[in-house]
Amino acid sequence: MPQEPIGTIVSTLESPTPSKIDFVVMNGKVHRGQFIEIPFSEGLLMGMITNVRKTNKYFERADAVKEYESQGAKLFEQFPVNDWEYVLAEVNPLGIFVEKKFKRTTFPPSPGTSVYNAEPQNIEQFLGLDVEKGLELGEMEFHPVKIKLNLSRFFQKHVAILAMSGAGKSHTVSCLLEEIMERKKEHGRIALVVFDVHGEYTHFAEPPT
C-alpha cells in the first residue's frame, strides 16, 4: 500500500533548486536529520531535512505584534491564529536514483510535488549498508534502519573516528569491537590489537557477570 505524502514542495526565492528544497508539512511531524524521498521526472530524489521552521502570518511583523500586545489585546483571543500556523521543512538534496544507479542532483523537482518519508530499503541502498553481513552500530534515528557497515569497505584503508568530547566516539569503538569479536567465521573475521591507554575497553577482557 503506497504511503501518504508528508508534505508538498513550495516555491520560494531560494527553492526549489538542485541544492535546496522547501516543503510545507501536511501530515504528521518531521525532524531535522530525517531522510525524505521525492519521485519526479529525473528519478527518485533522496534528501535530508536540514531545518524545520514554524511560521504564522499573524506574527510575521514584529512591530505590529508588539503594538497590538502592548495595548492589552491578545491575538489568540481576537483572530484565528492557530488556523494560520504551518511548518516549513528545508531539504538538502543528496542525489537521485536512476535505474538503480546514483547520480548528483542537477535539476529540481517542481513546486507542488509530493514529498514522502524515505523507505527503509531506499535508505539502505543509498548509504550502501550491508544488510546481510555488515557490522551493526545501532539503529538510525527517525527510521527503522539498522546501520550495518561492510567490513571490507570500512577497513579497506585508513579509518578515523572524530567528534567532540562526549559525542560517543568510545561507545562507537566499543560497538565495532564487539561486532568484530562476535562475527561468524563464514562472514569473515579480522585480528584485533587494542592499545587502551585510558582503560575504556577493559570490560572486553573480563568474563560477563
Protein backbone atom coordinates (compact mmCIF):
# COMPACT_ATOMS: atom_id res chain seq x y z
CA MET A 1 0.00 0.00 0.00
CA PRO A 2 1.53 3.35 -1.05
CA GLN A 3 2.41 5.64 1.84
CA GLU A 4 0.83 9.04 2.32
CA PRO A 5 2.92 12.11 1.43
CA ILE A 6 4.26 14.09 4.37
CA GLY A 7 4.32 17.40 2.52
CA THR A 8 4.29 19.41 -0.70
CA ILE A 9 7.12 21.37 -2.31
CA VAL A 10 6.54 25.13 -2.28
CA SER A 11 8.04 27.88 -4.39
CA THR A 12 10.24 30.43 -2.57
CA LEU A 13 13.05 32.78 -3.58
CA GLU A 14 15.58 30.04 -2.76
CA SER A 15 13.64 26.88 -3.59
CA PRO A 16 13.35 24.54 -5.33
CA THR A 17 16.89 24.32 -6.74
CA PRO A 18 19.33 21.42 -7.20
CA SER A 19 20.84 22.34 -3.81
CA LYS A 20 17.80 23.33 -1.72
CA ILE A 21 14.14 22.30 -1.50
CA ASP A 22 11.47 23.68 0.82
CA PHE A 23 8.22 21.87 1.52
CA VAL A 24 5.21 22.58 3.68
CA VAL A 25 4.47 19.76 6.12
CA MET A 26 0.97 18.35 5.62
CA ASN A 27 0.86 15.14 7.65
CA GLY A 28 2.48 14.28 10.96
CA LYS A 29 5.72 15.73 12.31
CA VAL A 30 9.14 15.89 10.66
CA HIS A 31 12.59 16.25 12.22
CA ARG A 32 15.96 17.66 11.30
CA GLY A 33 18.13 14.76 10.18
CA GLN A 34 15.21 12.79 8.72
CA PHE A 35 15.57 11.29 5.22
CA ILE A 36 12.92 12.02 2.59
CA GLU A 37 12.32 10.95 -0.99
CA ILE A 38 10.72 12.75 -3.93
CA PRO A 39 9.65 10.89 -7.09
CA PHE A 40 9.86 13.09 -10.19
CA SER A 41 10.88 13.02 -13.85
CA GLU A 42 14.63 12.75 -13.17
CA GLY A 43 14.25 9.71 -10.89
CA LEU A 44 13.87 9.18 -7.15
CA LEU A 45 15.45 12.08 -5.30
CA MET A 46 16.86 11.34 -1.84
CA GLY A 47 17.32 14.19 0.60
CA MET A 48 17.83 15.05 4.26
CA ILE A 49 15.86 17.59 6.26
CA THR A 50 18.34 20.21 7.48
CA ASN A 51 15.95 22.58 9.23
CA VAL A 52 12.32 22.77 10.37
CA ARG A 53 10.66 26.15 10.74
CA LYS A 54 7.24 27.12 12.11
CA THR A 55 5.62 30.22 10.68
CA ASN A 56 2.41 32.18 11.12
CA LYS A 57 1.13 35.12 9.08
CA TYR A 58 -0.19 36.84 12.20
CA PHE A 59 3.28 37.01 13.76
CA GLU A 60 5.42 37.96 10.75
CA ARG A 61 5.68 41.67 11.63
CA ALA A 62 7.34 42.20 14.99
CA ASP A 63 6.29 45.86 15.23
CA ALA A 64 2.61 45.04 14.67
CA VAL A 65 2.67 42.20 17.24
CA LYS A 66 4.37 44.44 19.82
CA GLU A 67 1.91 47.27 19.27
CA TYR A 68 -1.12 45.03 19.49
CA GLU A 69 0.04 43.10 22.55
CA SER A 70 1.22 46.23 24.37
CA GLN A 71 -2.35 47.56 24.30
CA GLY A 72 -3.55 44.55 26.24
CA ALA A 73 -5.17 42.83 23.27
CA LYS A 74 -4.31 39.19 22.64
CA LEU A 75 -4.02 37.96 19.07
CA PHE A 76 -5.03 34.46 20.15
CA GLU A 77 -8.32 35.83 21.51
CA GLN A 78 -9.19 38.10 18.59
CA PHE A 79 -8.08 36.17 15.50
CA PRO A 80 -7.97 32.52 14.27
CA VAL A 81 -4.22 32.41 14.86
CA ASN A 82 -3.94 28.62 15.12
CA ASP A 83 -5.50 28.18 11.69
CA TRP A 84 -2.60 30.09 10.11
CA GLU A 85 0.31 28.26 11.69
CA TYR A 86 2.20 25.88 9.45
CA VAL A 87 5.57 24.12 9.30
CA LEU A 88 8.19 24.51 6.58
CA ALA A 89 10.99 21.99 6.18
CA GLU A 90 14.27 22.68 4.38
CA VAL A 91 15.84 19.79 2.50
CA ASN A 92 19.37 19.21 1.25
CA PRO A 93 19.07 17.10 -1.94
CA LEU A 94 21.67 14.30 -1.70
CA GLY A 95 21.25 12.58 -5.04
CA ILE A 96 18.96 10.75 -7.43
CA PHE A 97 18.40 7.06 -8.13
CA VAL A 98 18.16 6.35 -11.85
CA GLU A 99 17.86 2.66 -12.83
CA LYS A 100 19.49 1.53 -9.55
CA LYS A 101 22.40 3.94 -10.09
CA PHE A 102 23.17 7.06 -8.13
CA LYS A 103 23.90 10.48 -9.62
CA ARG A 104 24.16 14.06 -8.43
CA THR A 105 21.13 16.32 -8.36
CA THR A 106 21.31 18.71 -11.33
CA PHE A 107 17.66 19.66 -11.83
CA PRO A 108 14.98 20.45 -9.23
CA PRO A 109 11.51 18.92 -8.87
CA SER A 110 8.53 21.20 -9.50
CA PRO A 111 6.59 23.12 -6.84
CA GLY A 112 3.52 21.12 -5.91
CA THR A 113 5.40 17.80 -5.99
CA SER A 114 4.65 15.47 -3.07
CA VAL A 115 7.35 14.64 -0.52
CA TYR A 116 7.49 11.24 1.21
CA ASN A 117 9.25 9.78 4.21
CA ALA A 118 12.15 7.71 2.85
CA GLU A 119 11.55 3.98 2.59
CA PRO A 120 14.00 1.87 4.67
CA GLN A 121 15.21 -0.14 1.67
CA ASN A 122 15.97 3.06 -0.25
CA ILE A 123 18.00 4.44 2.66
CA GLU A 124 19.96 1.19 2.91
CA GLN A 125 20.75 1.25 -0.80
CA PHE A 126 21.57 4.96 -0.81
CA LEU A 127 24.01 4.67 2.13
CA GLY A 128 25.48 1.41 0.86
CA LEU A 129 24.66 -0.53 4.01
CA ASP A 130 25.47 -4.24 4.19
CA VAL A 131 22.16 -5.57 5.49
CA GLU A 132 23.17 -9.25 5.49
CA LYS A 133 26.72 -9.32 6.89
CA GLY A 134 27.62 -5.78 7.99
CA LEU A 135 28.95 -4.60 11.34
CA GLU A 136 25.94 -3.31 13.24
CA LEU A 137 26.48 0.01 15.06
CA GLY A 138 22.89 0.75 16.01
CA GLU A 139 19.61 1.96 14.54
CA MET A 140 19.07 5.16 12.64
CA GLU A 141 17.13 7.92 14.34
CA PHE A 142 13.67 8.56 12.85
CA HIS A 143 13.87 5.46 10.60
CA PRO A 144 13.64 1.68 11.28
CA VAL A 145 17.04 1.13 9.63
CA LYS A 146 19.93 -0.75 11.24
CA ILE A 147 23.32 0.80 10.48
CA LYS A 148 25.39 -2.12 9.17
CA LEU A 149 28.78 -1.31 7.64
CA ASN A 150 30.52 -3.57 5.16
CA LEU A 151 33.65 -4.96 6.84
CA SER A 152 35.90 -4.84 3.76
CA ARG A 153 34.86 -1.36 2.68
CA PHE A 154 35.09 0.06 6.21
CA PHE A 155 38.63 -1.23 6.91
CA GLN A 156 39.94 -1.15 3.35
CA LYS A 157 42.11 1.90 4.05
CA HIS A 158 42.68 4.24 6.97
CA VAL A 159 39.84 4.81 9.47
CA ALA A 160 39.45 7.73 11.90
CA ILE A 161 36.55 8.33 14.31
CA LEU A 162 36.40 12.05 15.06
CA ALA A 163 33.92 14.01 17.15
CA MET A 164 33.62 16.39 20.10
CA SER A 165 34.09 15.16 23.66
CA GLY A 166 31.04 13.22 24.81
CA ALA A 167 29.71 12.67 21.29
CA GLY A 168 30.11 8.88 21.51
CA LYS A 169 33.49 8.01 19.98
CA SER A 170 34.39 5.45 22.64
CA HIS A 171 30.93 3.89 22.50
CA THR A 172 31.19 3.60 18.72
CA VAL A 173 34.55 1.86 19.00
CA SER A 174 33.08 -0.48 21.64
CA CYS A 175 30.28 -1.42 19.25
CA LEU A 176 32.80 -2.09 16.48
CA LEU A 177 34.98 -4.25 18.73
CA GLU A 178 32.00 -6.24 19.96
CA GLU A 179 30.67 -6.80 16.45
CA ILE A 180 34.06 -7.95 15.18
CA MET A 181 34.63 -10.37 18.08
CA GLU A 182 31.16 -11.90 17.72
CA ARG A 183 31.35 -12.13 13.94
CA LYS A 184 30.67 -15.52 12.36
CA LYS A 185 33.60 -17.20 10.67
CA GLU A 186 31.77 -17.57 7.37
CA HIS A 187 31.19 -13.81 7.28
CA GLY A 188 34.89 -13.07 7.57
CA ARG A 189 36.96 -12.02 10.57
CA ILE A 190 39.92 -9.75 11.26
CA ALA A 191 42.52 -9.72 14.05
CA LEU A 192 42.31 -7.05 16.76
CA VAL A 193 45.10 -5.33 18.70
CA VAL A 194 43.83 -2.64 21.10
CA PHE A 195 46.08 -0.08 22.84
CA ASP A 196 43.76 1.01 25.65
CA VAL A 197 45.72 3.78 27.40
CA HIS A 198 42.65 5.09 29.23
CA GLY A 199 41.21 1.73 30.30
CA GLU A 200 37.96 2.27 28.39
CA TYR A 201 37.76 -1.24 26.94
CA THR A 202 38.90 -3.42 29.85
CA HIS A 203 35.41 -4.96 30.06
CA PHE A 204 36.16 -6.91 26.89
CA ALA A 205 38.85 -8.87 28.78
CA GLU A 206 36.57 -9.66 31.71
CA PRO A 207 34.03 -12.51 31.81
CA PRO A 208 30.40 -11.37 31.75
CA THR A 209 28.69 -11.26 35.15
